Amino acid sequence: MNIILFFAVVCIVVAKSAVAFTPGFGSNARSISNLSMAPRYDKSSDKWFPTKPEEESGAAYGAVGSLIRAGPKSFLMRVFNQDQYDQAVLKYMSKEGCSRGEAQGNMDAFFENPNDWTYYKLQEKNGGFKRDWENANTDPKQLVLTGAWSAVLLVFFGIFISDCLAGKYATP
């Protein structure tokens, strides 16, 4: 009887140990392919480095894509602090095990409004709706409407500034 009990305990311990080395299941589990694609951190240079071509800077979308998806703050961050932006994207890719596009979308949203981005991430972790930051604001109809309104405003303010400089609105 003791031998059977001992054998059962050993089988349970071995089975539990084997499960610890297998990929997890559920919404927060990462696949093996995502883990092998993660950027690597170099402690000596204190920087993240891409390990595959699809992780490099131009792999997802450019600075104009950041402007379209998240607005001027993330666009300016990307243009003037390119290294800091890339480091944030690579770190996010490594931590979350996601694609470059998803990481860029999240970092664009974070740089535009960190409080809202954090709120949405907390909601997502608590089982709420997962926002698609990678494809945010990319609907063609919305882009045409935004472009048209921008053109109208630029023309209006251009005429207004030109008239102000010419003295049209000056009072005698």
N, C-alpha and C. Protein backbone atom coordinates (compact mmCIF):
# COMPACT_ATOMS: atom_id res chain seq x y z
N MET A 1 0.83 -1.20 0.00
CA MET A 1 0.00 0.00 0.00
C MET A 1 0.87 1.25 0.00
N ASN A 2 1.95 1.27 0.80
CA ASN A 2 2.85 2.42 0.85
C ASN A 2 3.55 2.64 -0.47
N ILE A 3 3.87 1.57 -1.19
CA ILE A 3 4.54 1.69 -2.49
C ILE A 3 3.60 2.34 -3.49
N ILE A 4 2.35 2.00 -3.49
CA ILE A 4 1.36 2.59 -4.41
C ILE A 4 1.18 4.07 -4.11
N LEU A 5 1.09 4.41 -2.83
CA LEU A 5 0.95 5.81 -2.43
C LEU A 5 2.20 6.61 -2.82
N PHE A 6 3.39 6.03 -2.58
CA PHE A 6 4.65 6.68 -2.96
C PHE A 6 4.70 6.89 -4.48
N PHE A 7 4.32 5.89 -5.26
CA PHE A 7 4.32 5.98 -6.73
C PHE A 7 3.34 7.07 -7.19
N ALA A 8 2.18 7.18 -6.58
CA ALA A 8 1.20 8.19 -6.95
C ALA A 8 1.72 9.60 -6.67
N VAL A 9 2.38 9.79 -5.52
CA VAL A 9 2.93 11.10 -5.17
C VAL A 9 4.04 11.48 -6.15
N VAL A 10 4.91 10.53 -6.49
CA VAL A 10 5.98 10.79 -7.44
C VAL A 10 5.40 11.17 -8.80
N CYS A 11 4.37 10.49 -9.25
CA CYS A 11 3.73 10.81 -10.55
C CYS A 11 3.14 12.22 -10.54
N ILE A 12 2.52 12.60 -9.44
CA ILE A 12 1.92 13.94 -9.35
C ILE A 12 3.01 15.01 -9.37
N VAL A 13 4.09 14.80 -8.64
CA VAL A 13 5.20 15.76 -8.61
C VAL A 13 5.83 15.90 -9.98
N VAL A 14 6.05 14.78 -10.67
CA VAL A 14 6.64 14.82 -12.01
C VAL A 14 5.70 15.52 -12.98
N ALA A 15 4.42 15.25 -12.90
CA ALA A 15 3.44 15.89 -13.79
C ALA A 15 3.39 17.40 -13.55
N LYS A 16 3.39 17.83 -12.31
CA LYS A 16 3.37 19.26 -12.00
C LYS A 16 4.65 19.94 -12.47
N SER A 17 5.78 19.27 -12.33
CA SER A 17 7.06 19.83 -12.79
C SER A 17 7.07 19.98 -14.31
N ALA A 18 6.52 19.02 -15.01
CA ALA A 18 6.49 19.09 -16.47
C ALA A 18 5.59 20.22 -16.95
N VAL A 19 4.48 20.48 -16.25
CA VAL A 19 3.57 21.56 -16.63
C VAL A 19 4.26 22.91 -16.50
N ALA A 20 5.17 23.04 -15.57
CA ALA A 20 5.86 24.31 -15.36
C ALA A 20 6.71 24.70 -16.57
N PHE A 21 7.10 23.74 -17.40
CA PHE A 21 7.95 24.02 -18.54
C PHE A 21 7.19 24.03 -19.86
N THR A 22 5.89 23.97 -19.83
CA THR A 22 5.09 24.03 -21.05
C THR A 22 4.49 25.41 -21.18
N PRO A 23 4.14 25.84 -22.43
CA PRO A 23 3.50 27.15 -22.58
C PRO A 23 2.16 27.17 -21.86
N GLY A 24 1.82 28.34 -21.32
CA GLY A 24 0.58 28.47 -20.58
C GLY A 24 -0.63 28.56 -21.49
N PHE A 25 -1.77 28.55 -20.88
CA PHE A 25 -3.02 28.68 -21.60
C PHE A 25 -3.77 29.87 -21.05
N GLY A 26 -4.72 30.38 -21.82
CA GLY A 26 -5.52 31.49 -21.35
C GLY A 26 -5.18 32.78 -22.08
N SER A 27 -5.83 33.87 -21.67
CA SER A 27 -5.69 35.14 -22.38
C SER A 27 -4.34 35.80 -22.17
N ASN A 28 -3.68 35.54 -21.05
CA ASN A 28 -2.40 36.20 -20.79
C ASN A 28 -1.19 35.36 -21.20
N ALA A 29 -1.42 34.17 -21.74
CA ALA A 29 -0.31 33.29 -22.11
C ALA A 29 0.30 33.73 -23.42
N ARG A 30 1.62 33.59 -23.51
CA ARG A 30 2.33 33.93 -24.74
C ARG A 30 2.69 32.64 -25.45
N SER A 31 2.68 32.68 -26.76
CA SER A 31 3.07 31.50 -27.51
C SER A 31 4.58 31.43 -27.61
N ILE A 32 5.07 30.25 -27.93
CA ILE A 32 6.51 30.06 -28.05
C ILE A 32 7.06 30.93 -29.17
N SER A 33 6.30 31.07 -30.26
CA SER A 33 6.79 31.88 -31.38
C SER A 33 6.92 33.35 -30.99
N ASN A 34 6.02 33.86 -30.15
CA ASN A 34 6.13 35.24 -29.72
C ASN A 34 7.33 35.44 -28.81
N LEU A 35 7.62 34.47 -27.96
CA LEU A 35 8.75 34.62 -27.06
C LEU A 35 10.07 34.59 -27.82
N SER A 36 10.15 33.77 -28.86
CA SER A 36 11.41 33.70 -29.59
C SER A 36 11.64 34.93 -30.45
N MET A 37 10.58 35.71 -30.71
CA MET A 37 10.70 36.90 -31.54
C MET A 37 11.00 38.14 -30.72
N ALA A 38 11.02 38.03 -29.41
CA ALA A 38 11.15 39.21 -28.56
C ALA A 38 12.51 39.87 -28.74
N PRO A 39 12.53 41.20 -28.74
CA PRO A 39 13.81 41.92 -28.77
C PRO A 39 14.64 41.58 -27.54
N ARG A 40 15.93 41.76 -27.65
CA ARG A 40 16.85 41.41 -26.57
C ARG A 40 17.42 42.66 -25.92
N TYR A 41 17.66 42.57 -24.62
CA TYR A 41 18.21 43.68 -23.85
C TYR A 41 19.70 43.45 -23.63
N ASP A 42 20.49 44.48 -23.91
CA ASP A 42 21.94 44.41 -23.71
C ASP A 42 22.28 45.27 -22.49
N LYS A 43 22.69 44.62 -21.41
CA LYS A 43 22.98 45.33 -20.17
C LYS A 43 24.17 46.27 -20.29
N SER A 44 25.14 45.90 -21.11
CA SER A 44 26.34 46.75 -21.22
C SER A 44 26.04 48.10 -21.87
N SER A 45 25.15 48.12 -22.86
CA SER A 45 24.81 49.38 -23.51
C SER A 45 23.50 49.97 -22.97
N ASP A 46 22.80 49.20 -22.12
CA ASP A 46 21.53 49.64 -21.53
C ASP A 46 20.51 49.96 -22.62
N LYS A 47 20.44 49.10 -23.65
CA LYS A 47 19.52 49.31 -24.77
C LYS A 47 18.89 47.99 -25.19
N TRP A 48 17.72 48.13 -25.83
CA TRP A 48 17.04 47.00 -26.45
C TRP A 48 17.44 46.94 -27.91
N PHE A 49 17.56 45.70 -28.44
CA PHE A 49 17.93 45.51 -29.83
C PHE A 49 16.96 44.54 -30.50
N PRO A 50 16.56 44.84 -31.74
CA PRO A 50 15.70 43.89 -32.46
C PRO A 50 16.48 42.63 -32.82
N THR A 51 15.79 41.50 -32.86
CA THR A 51 16.44 40.25 -33.21
C THR A 51 16.04 39.77 -34.60
N LYS A 52 15.00 40.34 -35.17
CA LYS A 52 14.52 39.94 -36.50
C LYS A 52 14.21 41.19 -37.31
N PRO A 53 14.19 41.10 -38.64
CA PRO A 53 13.89 42.28 -39.47
C PRO A 53 12.51 42.88 -39.21
N GLU A 54 11.52 42.05 -38.83
CA GLU A 54 10.17 42.59 -38.58
C GLU A 54 10.08 43.34 -37.26
N GLU A 55 11.15 43.38 -36.50
CA GLU A 55 11.20 44.14 -35.25
C GLU A 55 11.92 45.48 -35.41
N GLU A 56 12.50 45.72 -36.56
CA GLU A 56 13.29 46.94 -36.77
C GLU A 56 12.40 48.15 -36.95
N SER A 57 12.99 49.32 -36.93
CA SER A 57 12.28 50.59 -36.86
C SER A 57 11.24 50.80 -37.96
N GLY A 58 11.54 50.51 -39.20
CA GLY A 58 10.60 50.78 -40.28
C GLY A 58 9.65 49.66 -40.61
N ALA A 59 9.56 48.65 -39.75
CA ALA A 59 8.80 47.45 -40.08
C ALA A 59 7.28 47.65 -40.05
N ALA A 60 6.76 48.52 -39.22
CA ALA A 60 5.30 48.64 -39.09
C ALA A 60 4.76 49.85 -39.86
N TYR A 61 4.91 51.03 -39.31
CA TYR A 61 4.47 52.25 -40.00
C TYR A 61 5.36 53.40 -39.59
N GLY A 62 5.37 54.44 -40.39
CA GLY A 62 6.27 55.56 -40.19
C GLY A 62 5.71 56.62 -39.25
N ALA A 63 6.41 57.76 -39.22
CA ALA A 63 6.04 58.86 -38.32
C ALA A 63 4.67 59.43 -38.68
N VAL A 64 4.34 59.48 -39.98
CA VAL A 64 3.02 59.98 -40.38
C VAL A 64 1.93 59.04 -39.86
N GLY A 65 2.22 57.76 -39.80
CA GLY A 65 1.27 56.81 -39.21
C GLY A 65 1.02 57.12 -37.75
N SER A 66 2.06 57.54 -37.04
CA SER A 66 1.88 57.94 -35.63
C SER A 66 1.02 59.19 -35.54
N LEU A 67 1.21 60.12 -36.47
CA LEU A 67 0.40 61.34 -36.49
C LEU A 67 -1.07 61.00 -36.74
N ILE A 68 -1.33 60.11 -37.67
CA ILE A 68 -2.71 59.72 -37.99
C ILE A 68 -3.35 58.98 -36.83
N ARG A 69 -2.63 58.06 -36.23
CA ARG A 69 -3.21 57.20 -35.19
C ARG A 69 -3.37 57.91 -33.85
N ALA A 70 -2.41 58.75 -33.47
CA ALA A 70 -2.44 59.28 -32.11
C ALA A 70 -2.33 60.79 -32.00
N GLY A 71 -1.95 61.47 -33.06
CA GLY A 71 -1.89 62.92 -32.99
C GLY A 71 -0.49 63.47 -32.90
N PRO A 72 -0.39 64.78 -32.65
CA PRO A 72 0.90 65.46 -32.75
C PRO A 72 1.91 65.12 -31.66
N LYS A 73 1.48 64.80 -30.45
CA LYS A 73 2.45 64.52 -29.39
C LYS A 73 3.32 63.31 -29.73
N SER A 74 2.69 62.22 -30.09
CA SER A 74 3.48 61.02 -30.41
C SER A 74 4.27 61.22 -31.70
N PHE A 75 3.72 61.99 -32.64
CA PHE A 75 4.46 62.29 -33.88
C PHE A 75 5.74 63.06 -33.56
N LEU A 76 5.64 64.10 -32.75
CA LEU A 76 6.81 64.90 -32.39
C LEU A 76 7.80 64.08 -31.56
N MET A 77 7.28 63.23 -30.68
CA MET A 77 8.15 62.35 -29.90
C MET A 77 8.94 61.45 -30.84
N ARG A 78 8.27 60.94 -31.83
CA ARG A 78 8.92 60.02 -32.77
C ARG A 78 9.94 60.74 -33.66
N VAL A 79 9.66 61.97 -34.04
CA VAL A 79 10.57 62.71 -34.92
C VAL A 79 11.79 63.21 -34.17
N PHE A 80 11.58 63.78 -32.98
CA PHE A 80 12.69 64.41 -32.27
C PHE A 80 13.41 63.51 -31.26
N ASN A 81 12.77 62.44 -30.82
CA ASN A 81 13.39 61.50 -29.87
C ASN A 81 13.29 60.08 -30.42
N GLN A 82 13.81 59.87 -31.60
CA GLN A 82 13.67 58.58 -32.29
C GLN A 82 14.22 57.42 -31.46
N ASP A 83 15.37 57.60 -30.84
CA ASP A 83 15.97 56.51 -30.07
C ASP A 83 15.12 56.15 -28.86
N GLN A 84 14.64 57.16 -28.14
CA GLN A 84 13.79 56.90 -26.98
C GLN A 84 12.49 56.21 -27.40
N TYR A 85 11.94 56.65 -28.52
CA TYR A 85 10.71 56.04 -29.04
C TYR A 85 10.96 54.56 -29.37
N ASP A 86 12.04 54.28 -30.11
CA ASP A 86 12.34 52.90 -30.49
C ASP A 86 12.61 52.03 -29.27
N GLN A 87 13.29 52.57 -28.27
CA GLN A 87 13.56 51.80 -27.05
C GLN A 87 12.25 51.45 -26.33
N ALA A 88 11.32 52.40 -26.28
CA ALA A 88 10.02 52.14 -25.65
C ALA A 88 9.25 51.07 -26.41
N VAL A 89 9.28 51.13 -27.74
CA VAL A 89 8.57 50.14 -28.56
C VAL A 89 9.20 48.76 -28.38
N LEU A 90 10.51 48.67 -28.43
CA LEU A 90 11.17 47.37 -28.28
C LEU A 90 10.95 46.78 -26.89
N LYS A 91 10.97 47.62 -25.86
CA LYS A 91 10.71 47.14 -24.51
C LYS A 91 9.28 46.62 -24.39
N TYR A 92 8.32 47.35 -24.98
CA TYR A 92 6.93 46.91 -24.93
C TYR A 92 6.76 45.59 -25.67
N MET A 93 7.42 45.46 -26.83
CA MET A 93 7.35 44.21 -27.59
C MET A 93 7.87 43.04 -26.76
N SER A 94 8.95 43.27 -26.07
CA SER A 94 9.55 42.20 -25.27
C SER A 94 8.66 41.82 -24.08
N LYS A 95 8.14 42.81 -23.41
CA LYS A 95 7.33 42.55 -22.22
C LYS A 95 5.99 41.90 -22.56
N GLU A 96 5.36 42.36 -23.66
CA GLU A 96 4.03 41.87 -24.02
C GLU A 96 4.05 40.73 -25.03
N GLY A 97 5.19 40.52 -25.69
CA GLY A 97 5.27 39.46 -26.69
C GLY A 97 4.38 39.74 -27.90
N CYS A 98 4.39 40.99 -28.36
CA CYS A 98 3.51 41.38 -29.46
C CYS A 98 4.32 41.83 -30.67
N SER A 99 3.61 42.16 -31.75
CA SER A 99 4.26 42.61 -32.98
C SER A 99 4.72 44.06 -32.85
N ARG A 100 5.55 44.49 -33.79
CA ARG A 100 6.04 45.87 -33.81
C ARG A 100 4.88 46.84 -33.99
N GLY A 101 3.94 46.52 -34.87
CA GLY A 101 2.81 47.40 -35.11
C GLY A 101 1.95 47.61 -33.87
N GLU A 102 1.67 46.52 -33.15
CA GLU A 102 0.88 46.64 -31.93
C GLU A 102 1.63 47.45 -30.87
N ALA A 103 2.93 47.22 -30.76
CA ALA A 103 3.73 47.96 -29.79
C ALA A 103 3.79 49.44 -30.15
N GLN A 104 3.96 49.77 -31.43
CA GLN A 104 3.98 51.17 -31.84
C GLN A 104 2.64 51.83 -31.56
N GLY A 105 1.55 51.15 -31.86
CA GLY A 105 0.23 51.70 -31.58
C GLY A 105 0.04 51.99 -30.11
N ASN A 106 0.47 51.07 -29.25
CA ASN A 106 0.35 51.28 -27.81
C ASN A 106 1.24 52.41 -27.34
N MET A 107 2.46 52.49 -27.83
CA MET A 107 3.35 53.57 -27.41
C MET A 107 2.88 54.92 -27.94
N ASP A 108 2.33 54.96 -29.15
CA ASP A 108 1.76 56.20 -29.67
C ASP A 108 0.61 56.67 -28.77
N ALA A 109 -0.25 55.74 -28.39
CA ALA A 109 -1.37 56.09 -27.50
C ALA A 109 -0.86 56.52 -26.13
N PHE A 110 0.18 55.85 -25.65
CA PHE A 110 0.76 56.21 -24.34
C PHE A 110 1.35 57.61 -24.38
N PHE A 111 2.14 57.92 -25.41
CA PHE A 111 2.77 59.24 -25.48
C PHE A 111 1.73 60.34 -25.69
N GLU A 112 0.63 60.03 -26.35
CA GLU A 112 -0.41 61.03 -26.57
C GLU A 112 -1.16 61.34 -25.27
N ASN A 113 -1.50 60.28 -24.50
CA ASN A 113 -2.23 60.48 -23.25
C ASN A 113 -1.98 59.30 -22.32
N PRO A 114 -0.96 59.37 -21.48
CA PRO A 114 -0.61 58.23 -20.62
C PRO A 114 -1.72 57.79 -19.67
N ASN A 115 -2.49 58.74 -19.16
CA ASN A 115 -3.54 58.38 -18.20
C ASN A 115 -4.64 57.56 -18.86
N ASP A 116 -5.10 57.97 -20.03
CA ASP A 116 -6.13 57.20 -20.73
C ASP A 116 -5.60 55.84 -21.14
N TRP A 117 -4.37 55.80 -21.65
CA TRP A 117 -3.80 54.52 -22.07
C TRP A 117 -3.73 53.56 -20.90
N THR A 118 -3.29 54.03 -19.73
CA THR A 118 -3.20 53.19 -18.54
C THR A 118 -4.58 52.71 -18.12
N TYR A 119 -5.56 53.61 -18.18
CA TYR A 119 -6.94 53.22 -17.83
C TYR A 119 -7.43 52.10 -18.74
N TYR A 120 -7.24 52.24 -20.04
CA TYR A 120 -7.69 51.21 -20.98
C TYR A 120 -6.94 49.90 -20.78
N LYS A 121 -5.65 49.96 -20.46
CA LYS A 121 -4.88 48.74 -20.20
C LYS A 121 -5.39 48.04 -18.94
N LEU A 122 -5.71 48.79 -17.90
CA LEU A 122 -6.26 48.19 -16.69
C LEU A 122 -7.62 47.56 -16.96
N GLN A 123 -8.45 48.24 -17.75
CA GLN A 123 -9.74 47.67 -18.11
C GLN A 123 -9.57 46.37 -18.90
N GLU A 124 -8.61 46.37 -19.80
CA GLU A 124 -8.33 45.18 -20.60
C GLU A 124 -7.88 44.01 -19.72
N LYS A 125 -7.02 44.29 -18.75
CA LYS A 125 -6.54 43.23 -17.86
C LYS A 125 -7.64 42.70 -16.95
N ASN A 126 -8.64 43.52 -16.68
CA ASN A 126 -9.77 43.09 -15.86
C ASN A 126 -10.89 42.47 -16.68
N GLY A 127 -10.59 42.11 -17.93
CA GLY A 127 -11.59 41.44 -18.77
C GLY A 127 -12.39 42.37 -19.65
N GLY A 128 -12.03 43.63 -19.71
CA GLY A 128 -12.76 44.59 -20.53
C GLY A 128 -12.37 44.52 -21.99
N PHE A 129 -12.87 45.46 -22.75
CA PHE A 129 -12.64 45.56 -24.19
C PHE A 129 -11.18 45.85 -24.48
N LYS A 130 -10.60 45.14 -25.46
CA LYS A 130 -9.22 45.39 -25.86
C LYS A 130 -9.22 46.33 -27.05
N ARG A 131 -8.63 47.50 -26.87
CA ARG A 131 -8.56 48.49 -27.94
C ARG A 131 -7.48 48.11 -28.93
N ASP A 132 -7.76 48.36 -30.20
CA ASP A 132 -6.80 48.08 -31.27
C ASP A 132 -6.06 49.36 -31.59
N TRP A 133 -4.98 49.63 -30.86
CA TRP A 133 -4.23 50.87 -31.05
C TRP A 133 -3.47 50.87 -32.38
N GLU A 134 -3.16 49.69 -32.89
CA GLU A 134 -2.39 49.60 -34.14
C GLU A 134 -3.18 50.14 -35.32
N ASN A 135 -4.48 49.95 -35.33
CA ASN A 135 -5.31 50.38 -36.45
C ASN A 135 -6.24 51.53 -36.09
N ALA A 136 -5.96 52.22 -35.00
CA ALA A 136 -6.82 53.32 -34.55
C ALA A 136 -6.79 54.47 -35.56
N ASN A 137 -7.93 55.06 -35.80
CA ASN A 137 -8.08 56.25 -36.65
C ASN A 137 -7.56 56.05 -38.07
N THR A 138 -7.65 54.85 -38.60
CA THR A 138 -7.17 54.60 -39.96
C THR A 138 -8.30 54.32 -40.94
N ASP A 139 -9.53 54.60 -40.57
CA ASP A 139 -10.66 54.42 -41.47
C ASP A 139 -10.52 55.43 -42.62
N PRO A 140 -10.55 54.98 -43.88
CA PRO A 140 -10.35 55.90 -45.01
C PRO A 140 -11.33 57.07 -45.05
N LYS A 141 -12.59 56.84 -44.71
CA LYS A 141 -13.57 57.93 -44.71
C LYS A 141 -13.20 58.99 -43.68
N GLN A 142 -12.78 58.54 -42.50
CA GLN A 142 -12.40 59.47 -41.44
C GLN A 142 -11.14 60.24 -41.83
N LEU A 143 -10.20 59.58 -42.50
CA LEU A 143 -8.99 60.26 -42.94
C LEU A 143 -9.29 61.35 -43.97
N VAL A 144 -10.22 61.07 -44.91
CA VAL A 144 -10.60 62.07 -45.91
C VAL A 144 -11.28 63.25 -45.22
N LEU A 145 -12.17 62.97 -44.28
CA LEU A 145 -12.87 64.04 -43.56
C LEU A 145 -11.88 64.89 -42.76
N THR A 146 -10.95 64.26 -42.08
CA THR A 146 -9.94 64.99 -41.32
C THR A 146 -9.07 65.84 -42.24
N GLY A 147 -8.68 65.28 -43.38
CA GLY A 147 -7.88 66.03 -44.35
C GLY A 147 -8.62 67.23 -44.90
N ALA A 148 -9.91 67.05 -45.20
CA ALA A 148 -10.71 68.16 -45.74
C ALA A 148 -10.84 69.28 -44.71
N TRP A 149 -11.15 68.91 -43.47
CA TRP A 149 -11.27 69.93 -42.42
C TRP A 149 -9.94 70.63 -42.18
N SER A 150 -8.86 69.89 -42.21
CA SER A 150 -7.54 70.50 -42.02
C SER A 150 -7.23 71.49 -43.13
N ALA A 151 -7.57 71.14 -44.36
CA ALA A 151 -7.33 72.04 -45.49
C ALA A 151 -8.16 73.32 -45.35
N VAL A 152 -9.43 73.18 -44.98
CA VAL A 152 -10.29 74.35 -44.80
C VAL A 152 -9.73 75.26 -43.70
N LEU A 153 -9.32 74.68 -42.58
CA LEU A 153 -8.79 75.48 -41.48
C LEU A 153 -7.47 76.15 -41.86
N LEU A 154 -6.61 75.45 -42.57
CA LEU A 154 -5.34 76.04 -43.00
C LEU A 154 -5.57 77.23 -43.94
N VAL A 155 -6.51 77.09 -44.86
CA VAL A 155 -6.81 78.19 -45.78
C VAL A 155 -7.38 79.37 -45.00
N PHE A 156 -8.35 79.10 -44.11
CA PHE A 156 -8.97 80.17 -43.33
C PHE A 156 -7.94 80.92 -42.50
N PHE A 157 -7.12 80.19 -41.73
CA PHE A 157 -6.13 80.86 -40.89
C PHE A 157 -5.02 81.51 -41.72
N GLY A 158 -4.70 80.94 -42.87
CA GLY A 158 -3.72 81.56 -43.76
C GLY A 158 -4.20 82.91 -44.25
N ILE A 159 -5.46 82.98 -44.68
CA ILE A 159 -6.03 84.25 -45.13
C ILE A 159 -6.12 85.24 -43.98
N PHE A 160 -6.55 84.75 -42.81
CA PHE A 160 -6.68 85.62 -41.65
C PHE A 160 -5.33 86.22 -41.25
N ILE A 161 -4.29 85.39 -41.17
CA ILE A 161 -2.96 85.89 -40.80
C ILE A 161 -2.43 86.85 -41.86
N SER A 162 -2.65 86.52 -43.11
CA SER A 162 -2.22 87.41 -44.21
C SER A 162 -2.91 88.77 -44.11
N ASP A 163 -4.20 88.76 -43.84
CA ASP A 163 -4.94 90.02 -43.70
C ASP A 163 -4.49 90.80 -42.47
N CYS A 164 -4.20 90.10 -41.38
CA CYS A 164 -3.71 90.79 -40.17
C CYS A 164 -2.38 91.46 -40.44
N LEU A 165 -1.50 90.77 -41.13
CA LEU A 165 -0.19 91.35 -41.44
C LEU A 165 -0.31 92.52 -42.41
N ALA A 166 -1.32 92.50 -43.26
CA ALA A 166 -1.53 93.58 -44.21
C ALA A 166 -2.23 94.78 -43.58
N GLY A 167 -2.72 94.64 -42.34
CA GLY A 167 -3.36 95.74 -41.64
C GLY A 167 -4.85 95.87 -41.94
N LYS A 168 -5.48 94.85 -42.47
CA LYS A 168 -6.90 94.92 -42.81
C LYS A 168 -7.78 95.08 -41.59
N TYR A 169 -7.41 94.53 -40.46
CA TYR A 169 -8.25 94.58 -39.27
C TYR A 169 -7.78 95.63 -38.28
N ALA A 170 -6.82 96.45 -38.62
CA ALA A 170 -6.31 97.50 -37.73
C ALA A 170 -7.31 98.62 -37.63
N THR A 171 -7.45 99.16 -36.44
CA THR A 171 -8.36 100.30 -36.26
C THR A 171 -7.54 101.59 -36.31
N PRO A 172 -8.08 102.63 -36.98
CA PRO A 172 -7.33 103.89 -37.09
C PRO A 172 -7.34 104.69 -35.82
